[in-house]
Amino acid sequence: MELKSVNSSNISQIGYDQSKSALIVRFNNGAYYKYEDVPEQTYNNFITASSVGKYFQSYIRNVYAYKKIDVAEGVEPKL
């Protein structure tokens, strides 16, 4: 899964695994979170939103189950 860089004051990268409906969000502080059962359309709306941070706050945070995942620098997140 490829993480795509985004322009946000809080989020640095976003990735999506279609086969698992899993959204990965990397925050600017380096923390990675996996959001589960996220529809692909939600990911598409998220990655193309005029404000990624506002979209995250309104449509992802506190909507989908999530967990923090440990990822070593330069290593792809394991889902």
Protein backbone atom coordinates (compact mmCIF):
# COMPACT_ATOMS: atom_id res chain seq x y z
CA MET A 1 0.00 0.00 0.00
CA GLU A 2 1.31 3.40 -0.95
CA LEU A 3 0.93 6.30 1.42
CA LYS A 4 0.20 9.59 -0.31
CA SER A 5 1.43 12.88 1.08
CA VAL A 6 -1.23 15.48 1.81
CA ASN A 7 -1.17 19.18 2.60
CA SER A 8 -2.40 19.48 6.18
CA SER A 9 -1.22 21.02 9.42
CA ASN A 10 -1.96 17.77 11.29
CA ILE A 11 -1.83 14.90 8.76
CA SER A 12 1.19 14.05 6.62
CA GLN A 13 0.15 10.92 4.70
CA ILE A 14 -2.89 8.81 3.87
CA GLY A 15 -3.13 5.28 2.48
CA TYR A 16 -5.93 2.84 1.75
CA ASP A 17 -6.06 -0.95 1.43
CA GLN A 18 -9.09 -1.71 -0.70
CA SER A 19 -9.06 -5.45 0.06
CA LYS A 20 -9.37 -4.77 3.81
CA SER A 21 -11.28 -1.45 3.70
CA ALA A 22 -8.52 -0.10 5.92
CA LEU A 23 -7.46 3.53 6.01
CA ILE A 24 -4.00 4.44 7.30
CA VAL A 25 -3.38 7.98 8.52
CA ARG A 26 0.10 9.21 9.40
CA PHE A 27 0.06 12.33 11.50
CA ASN A 28 2.74 15.00 11.45
CA ASN A 29 3.97 13.81 14.85
CA GLY A 30 4.90 10.47 13.22
CA ALA A 31 2.03 8.42 14.71
CA TYR A 32 0.18 5.98 12.44
CA TYR A 33 -3.45 5.01 12.94
CA LYS A 34 -5.49 2.38 11.14
CA TYR A 35 -9.22 3.04 10.65
CA GLU A 36 -11.32 -0.05 9.92
CA ASP A 37 -14.28 -0.67 7.60
CA VAL A 38 -13.83 2.63 5.77
CA PRO A 39 -15.62 2.70 2.40
CA GLU A 40 -13.42 3.45 -0.60
CA GLN A 41 -15.56 6.48 -1.45
CA THR A 42 -14.79 7.96 1.97
CA TYR A 43 -11.07 7.53 1.27
CA ASN A 44 -11.46 9.14 -2.17
CA ASN A 45 -13.33 12.08 -0.65
CA PHE A 46 -10.70 12.37 2.09
CA ILE A 47 -7.68 12.41 -0.23
CA THR A 48 -9.29 15.02 -2.52
CA ALA A 49 -10.86 17.25 0.16
CA SER A 50 -10.00 20.94 0.02
CA SER A 51 -9.23 20.64 3.75
CA VAL A 52 -7.96 17.18 4.68
CA GLY A 53 -7.98 18.07 8.38
CA LYS A 54 -11.59 19.27 8.39
CA TYR A 55 -12.71 16.21 6.44
CA PHE A 56 -10.92 13.96 8.92
CA GLN A 57 -12.55 15.69 11.90
CA SER A 58 -16.05 15.56 10.37
CA TYR A 59 -16.17 12.19 8.60
CA ILE A 60 -13.48 9.87 9.99
CA ARG A 61 -12.44 10.72 13.54
CA ASN A 62 -14.88 9.24 16.06
CA VAL A 63 -16.81 7.57 13.21
CA TYR A 64 -14.69 4.50 12.42
CA ALA A 65 -13.03 2.04 14.78
CA TYR A 66 -9.29 2.69 14.94
CA LYS A 67 -6.07 1.65 16.58
CA LYS A 68 -2.58 3.04 16.74
CA ILE A 69 -0.05 0.96 14.85
CA ASP A 70 3.72 0.85 15.30
CA VAL A 71 5.66 1.44 12.10
CA ALA A 72 9.44 1.70 11.82
CA GLU A 73 10.66 4.55 9.64
CA GLY A 74 10.88 3.43 6.02
CA VAL A 75 8.79 0.30 6.62
CA GLU A 76 5.34 -0.16 5.11
CA PRO A 77 2.51 -0.27 7.67
CA LYS A 78 1.29 -3.82 8.38
CA LEU A 79 -2.44 -4.23 8.34
